[in-house]
Amino acid sequence: MDIPTHSAGDAPFALTATVSSGLPVAFNVVSGPAISSSNVVTRLGGGTVTVVA
């Protein structure tokens, strides 16, 4: 799934997903200038960010 484009300085944004099992989905930043906490991503700079679920 592609995440819509966001830029450094944009407001933090939440990621959501559902799975057929009903289990919760957690997201983590793997690389790039961003941090995530409780499935909310905050961009810290320009460039590509990779997120895994």
PDB file of N, CA and C in Angstrom:
ATOM      1  N   MET A   1       0.845  -1.172   0.000  1.00  0.00           N
ATOM      2  CA  MET A   1       0.000   0.000   0.000  1.00  0.00           C
ATOM      3  C   MET A   1       0.889   1.232   0.000  1.00  0.00           C
ATOM      4  N   ASP A   2       0.617   2.167  -0.864  1.00  0.00           N
ATOM      5  CA  ASP A   2       1.349   3.422  -0.882  1.00  0.00           C
ATOM      6  C   ASP A   2       0.697   4.410   0.069  1.00  0.00           C
ATOM      7  N   ILE A   3       1.526   5.124   0.796  1.00  0.00           N
ATOM      8  CA  ILE A   3       1.053   6.169   1.697  1.00  0.00           C
ATOM      9  C   ILE A   3       1.083   7.485   0.931  1.00  0.00           C
ATOM     10  N   PRO A   4       0.049   8.305   1.040  1.00  0.00           N
ATOM     11  CA  PRO A   4       0.066   9.597   0.341  1.00  0.00           C
ATOM     12  C   PRO A   4       1.307  10.405   0.709  1.00  0.00           C
ATOM     13  N   THR A   5       1.753  11.244  -0.199  1.00  0.00           N
ATOM     14  CA  THR A   5       2.946  12.054  -0.003  1.00  0.00           C
ATOM     15  C   THR A   5       2.758  13.041   1.151  1.00  0.00           C
ATOM     16  N   HIS A   6       3.754  13.083   2.018  1.00  0.00           N
ATOM     17  CA  HIS A   6       3.807  14.045   3.116  1.00  0.00           C
ATOM     18  C   HIS A   6       5.191  14.676   3.103  1.00  0.00           C
ATOM     19  N   SER A   7       5.303  15.904   3.573  1.00  0.00           N
ATOM     20  CA  SER A   7       6.568  16.620   3.603  1.00  0.00           C
ATOM     21  C   SER A   7       6.973  16.933   5.024  1.00  0.00           C
ATOM     22  N   ALA A   8       8.279  17.170   5.208  1.00  0.00           N
ATOM     23  CA  ALA A   8       8.762  17.612   6.516  1.00  0.00           C
ATOM     24  C   ALA A   8       8.012  18.883   6.881  1.00  0.00           C
ATOM     25  N   GLY A   9       7.585  18.991   8.102  1.00  0.00           N
ATOM     26  CA  GLY A   9       6.832  20.155   8.552  1.00  0.00           C
ATOM     27  C   GLY A   9       5.331  19.945   8.498  1.00  0.00           C
ATOM     28  N   ASP A  10       4.876  18.910   7.765  1.00  0.00           N
ATOM     29  CA  ASP A  10       3.446  18.576   7.777  1.00  0.00           C
ATOM     30  C   ASP A  10       3.069  18.060   9.158  1.00  0.00           C
ATOM     31  N   ALA A  11       1.800  18.134   9.473  1.00  0.00           N
ATOM     32  CA  ALA A  11       1.318  17.592  10.747  1.00  0.00           C
ATOM     33  C   ALA A  11       1.539  16.080  10.771  1.00  0.00           C
ATOM     34  N   PRO A  12       1.821  15.507  11.938  1.00  0.00           N
ATOM     35  CA  PRO A  12       1.917  14.046  12.045  1.00  0.00           C
ATOM     36  C   PRO A  12       0.625  13.412  11.528  1.00  0.00           C
ATOM     37  N   PHE A  13       0.741  12.193  10.999  1.00  0.00           N
ATOM     38  CA  PHE A  13      -0.429  11.525  10.441  1.00  0.00           C
ATOM     39  C   PHE A  13      -0.500  10.085  10.931  1.00  0.00           C
ATOM     40  N   ALA A  14      -1.723   9.605  11.085  1.00  0.00           N
ATOM     41  CA  ALA A  14      -1.958   8.247  11.585  1.00  0.00           C
ATOM     42  C   ALA A  14      -2.048   7.267  10.420  1.00  0.00           C
ATOM     43  N   LEU A  15      -1.545   6.072  10.644  1.00  0.00           N
ATOM     44  CA  LEU A  15      -1.684   4.979   9.692  1.00  0.00           C
ATOM     45  C   LEU A  15      -2.654   3.963  10.278  1.00  0.00           C
ATOM     46  N   THR A  16      -3.520   3.440   9.441  1.00  0.00           N
ATOM     47  CA  THR A  16      -4.468   2.438   9.898  1.00  0.00           C
ATOM     48  C   THR A  16      -4.534   1.303   8.880  1.00  0.00           C
ATOM     49  N   ALA A  17      -4.846   0.132   9.365  1.00  0.00           N
ATOM     50  CA  ALA A  17      -5.044  -1.028   8.501  1.00  0.00           C
ATOM     51  C   ALA A  17      -5.896  -2.033   9.253  1.00  0.00           C
ATOM     52  N   THR A  18      -6.550  -2.891   8.491  1.00  0.00           N
ATOM     53  CA  THR A  18      -7.324  -3.967   9.102  1.00  0.00           C
ATOM     54  C   THR A  18      -6.890  -5.285   8.471  1.00  0.00           C
ATOM     55  N   VAL A  19      -7.019  -6.340   9.238  1.00  0.00           N
ATOM     56  CA  VAL A  19      -6.705  -7.674   8.747  1.00  0.00           C
ATOM     57  C   VAL A  19      -7.879  -8.593   9.057  1.00  0.00           C
ATOM     58  N   SER A  20      -8.022  -9.627   8.266  1.00  0.00           N
ATOM     59  CA  SER A  20      -9.186 -10.503   8.415  1.00  0.00           C
ATOM     60  C   SER A  20      -9.212 -11.217   9.768  1.00  0.00           C
ATOM     61  N   SER A  21      -8.039 -11.380  10.399  1.00  0.00           N
ATOM     62  CA  SER A  21      -7.992 -12.058  11.691  1.00  0.00           C
ATOM     63  C   SER A  21      -8.548 -11.193  12.819  1.00  0.00           C
ATOM     64  N   GLY A  22      -8.626  -9.884  12.579  1.00  0.00           N
ATOM     65  CA  GLY A  22      -9.093  -8.968  13.615  1.00  0.00           C
ATOM     66  C   GLY A  22      -7.997  -8.532  14.579  1.00  0.00           C
ATOM     67  N   LEU A  23      -6.777  -9.045  14.400  1.00  0.00           N
ATOM     68  CA  LEU A  23      -5.666  -8.655  15.268  1.00  0.00           C
ATOM     69  C   LEU A  23      -5.243  -7.224  14.960  1.00  0.00           C
ATOM     70  N   PRO A  24      -4.677  -6.524  15.943  1.00  0.00           N
ATOM     71  CA  PRO A  24      -4.230  -5.154  15.699  1.00  0.00           C
ATOM     72  C   PRO A  24      -3.027  -5.133  14.753  1.00  0.00           C
ATOM     73  N   VAL A  25      -2.888  -4.053  14.011  1.00  0.00           N
ATOM     74  CA  VAL A  25      -1.769  -3.858  13.093  1.00  0.00           C
ATOM     75  C   VAL A  25      -0.902  -2.735  13.642  1.00  0.00           C
ATOM     76  N   ALA A  26       0.399  -2.987  13.754  1.00  0.00           N
ATOM     77  CA  ALA A  26       1.344  -1.977  14.225  1.00  0.00           C
ATOM     78  C   ALA A  26       2.246  -1.575  13.064  1.00  0.00           C
ATOM     79  N   PHE A  27       2.629  -0.319  13.011  1.00  0.00           N
ATOM     80  CA  PHE A  27       3.502   0.205  11.960  1.00  0.00           C
ATOM     81  C   PHE A  27       4.808   0.677  12.588  1.00  0.00           C
ATOM     82  N   ASN A  28       5.907   0.448  11.858  1.00  0.00           N
ATOM     83  CA  ASN A  28       7.229   0.893  12.311  1.00  0.00           C
ATOM     84  C   ASN A  28       7.993   1.499  11.148  1.00  0.00           C
ATOM     85  N   VAL A  29       8.709   2.591  11.406  1.00  0.00           N
ATOM     86  CA  VAL A  29       9.577   3.193  10.402  1.00  0.00           C
ATOM     87  C   VAL A  29      10.844   2.348  10.335  1.00  0.00           C
ATOM     88  N   VAL A  30      11.165   1.856   9.128  1.00  0.00           N
ATOM     89  CA  VAL A  30      12.357   1.035   8.924  1.00  0.00           C
ATOM     90  C   VAL A  30      13.544   1.905   8.527  1.00  0.00           C
ATOM     91  N   SER A  31      13.284   2.893   7.678  1.00  0.00           N
ATOM     92  CA  SER A  31      14.362   3.782   7.249  1.00  0.00           C
ATOM     93  C   SER A  31      13.778   5.121   6.823  1.00  0.00           C
ATOM     94  N   GLY A  32      14.634   6.117   6.817  1.00  0.00           N
ATOM     95  CA  GLY A  32      14.226   7.448   6.383  1.00  0.00           C
ATOM     96  C   GLY A  32      14.002   8.391   7.544  1.00  0.00           C
ATOM     97  N   PRO A  33      13.858   9.681   7.218  1.00  0.00           N
ATOM     98  CA  PRO A  33      13.747  10.718   8.235  1.00  0.00           C
ATOM     99  C   PRO A  33      12.342  10.846   8.819  1.00  0.00           C
ATOM    100  N   ALA A  34      11.978   9.898   9.656  1.00  0.00           N
ATOM    101  CA  ALA A  34      10.663   9.942  10.313  1.00  0.00           C
ATOM    102  C   ALA A  34      10.717   9.087  11.571  1.00  0.00           C
ATOM    103  N   ILE A  35       9.787   9.339  12.456  1.00  0.00           N
ATOM    104  CA  ILE A  35       9.618   8.511  13.652  1.00  0.00           C
ATOM    105  C   ILE A  35       8.148   8.114  13.729  1.00  0.00           C
ATOM    106  N   SER A  36       7.893   7.006  14.411  1.00  0.00           N
ATOM    107  CA  SER A  36       6.502   6.593  14.606  1.00  0.00           C
ATOM    108  C   SER A  36       6.294   6.216  16.058  1.00  0.00           C
ATOM    109  N   SER A  37       5.099   6.500  16.539  1.00  0.00           N
ATOM    110  CA  SER A  37       4.704   6.146  17.893  1.00  0.00           C
ATOM    111  C   SER A  37       3.196   5.939  17.879  1.00  0.00           C
ATOM    112  N   SER A  38       2.759   4.793  18.337  1.00  0.00           N
ATOM    113  CA  SER A  38       1.326   4.473  18.367  1.00  0.00           C
ATOM    114  C   SER A  38       0.678   4.649  16.994  1.00  0.00           C
ATOM    115  N   ASN A  39       1.395   4.233  15.938  1.00  0.00           N
ATOM    116  CA  ASN A  39       0.920   4.287  14.552  1.00  0.00           C
ATOM    117  C   ASN A  39       0.731   5.700  14.021  1.00  0.00           C
ATOM    118  N   VAL A  40       1.364   6.682  14.658  1.00  0.00           N
ATOM    119  CA  VAL A  40       1.367   8.055  14.159  1.00  0.00           C
ATOM    120  C   VAL A  40       2.783   8.355  13.682  1.00  0.00           C
ATOM    121  N   VAL A  41       2.899   8.814  12.432  1.00  0.00           N
ATOM    122  CA  VAL A  41       4.201   9.085  11.818  1.00  0.00           C
ATOM    123  C   VAL A  41       4.450  10.582  11.790  1.00  0.00           C
ATOM    124  N   THR A  42       5.669  10.980  12.169  1.00  0.00           N
ATOM    125  CA  THR A  42       6.093  12.371  12.109  1.00  0.00           C
ATOM    126  C   THR A  42       7.306  12.455  11.196  1.00  0.00           C
ATOM    127  N   ARG A  43       7.196  13.240  10.114  1.00  0.00           N
ATOM    128  CA  ARG A  43       8.307  13.434   9.187  1.00  0.00           C
ATOM    129  C   ARG A  43       9.311  14.370   9.829  1.00  0.00           C
ATOM    130  N   LEU A  44      10.612  14.049   9.690  1.00  0.00           N
ATOM    131  CA  LEU A  44      11.663  14.873  10.270  1.00  0.00           C
ATOM    132  C   LEU A  44      12.499  15.577   9.220  1.00  0.00           C
ATOM    133  N   GLY A  45      12.343  15.183   7.970  1.00  0.00           N
ATOM    134  CA  GLY A  45      13.126  15.787   6.892  1.00  0.00           C
ATOM    135  C   GLY A  45      12.662  15.249   5.558  1.00  0.00           C
ATOM    136  N   GLY A  46      13.337  15.702   4.500  1.00  0.00           N
ATOM    137  CA  GLY A  46      12.988  15.256   3.164  1.00  0.00           C
ATOM    138  C   GLY A  46      13.576  13.895   2.854  1.00  0.00           C
ATOM    139  N   GLY A  47      13.028  13.231   1.882  1.00  0.00           N
ATOM    140  CA  GLY A  47      13.523  11.934   1.459  1.00  0.00           C
ATOM    141  C   GLY A  47      12.471  10.864   1.607  1.00  0.00           C
ATOM    142  N   THR A  48      12.844   9.673   1.184  1.00  0.00           N
ATOM    143  CA  THR A  48      11.936   8.534   1.217  1.00  0.00           C
ATOM    144  C   THR A  48      11.916   7.883   2.598  1.00  0.00           C
ATOM    145  N   VAL A  49      10.741   7.546   3.059  1.00  0.00           N
ATOM    146  CA  VAL A  49      10.569   6.860   4.335  1.00  0.00           C
ATOM    147  C   VAL A  49       9.951   5.489   4.038  1.00  0.00           C
ATOM    148  N   THR A  50      10.513   4.453   4.634  1.00  0.00           N
ATOM    149  CA  THR A  50       9.960   3.103   4.489  1.00  0.00           C
ATOM    150  C   THR A  50       9.312   2.702   5.799  1.00  0.00           C
ATOM    151  N   VAL A  51       8.054   2.295   5.704  1.00  0.00           N
ATOM    152  CA  VAL A  51       7.271   1.879   6.876  1.00  0.00           C
ATOM    153  C   VAL A  51       6.810   0.439   6.652  1.00  0.00           C
ATOM    154  N   VAL A  52       6.891  -0.386   7.686  1.00  0.00           N
ATOM    155  CA  VAL A  52       6.377  -1.756   7.606  1.00  0.00           C
ATOM    156  C   VAL A  52       5.236  -1.921   8.600  1.00  0.00           C
ATOM    157  N   ALA A  53       4.345  -2.842   8.244  1.00  0.00           N
ATOM    158  CA  ALA A  53       3.228  -3.164   9.125  1.00  0.00           C
ATOM    159  C   ALA A  53       3.477  -4.511   9.768  1.00  0.00           C
TER     160      ALA A  53
END
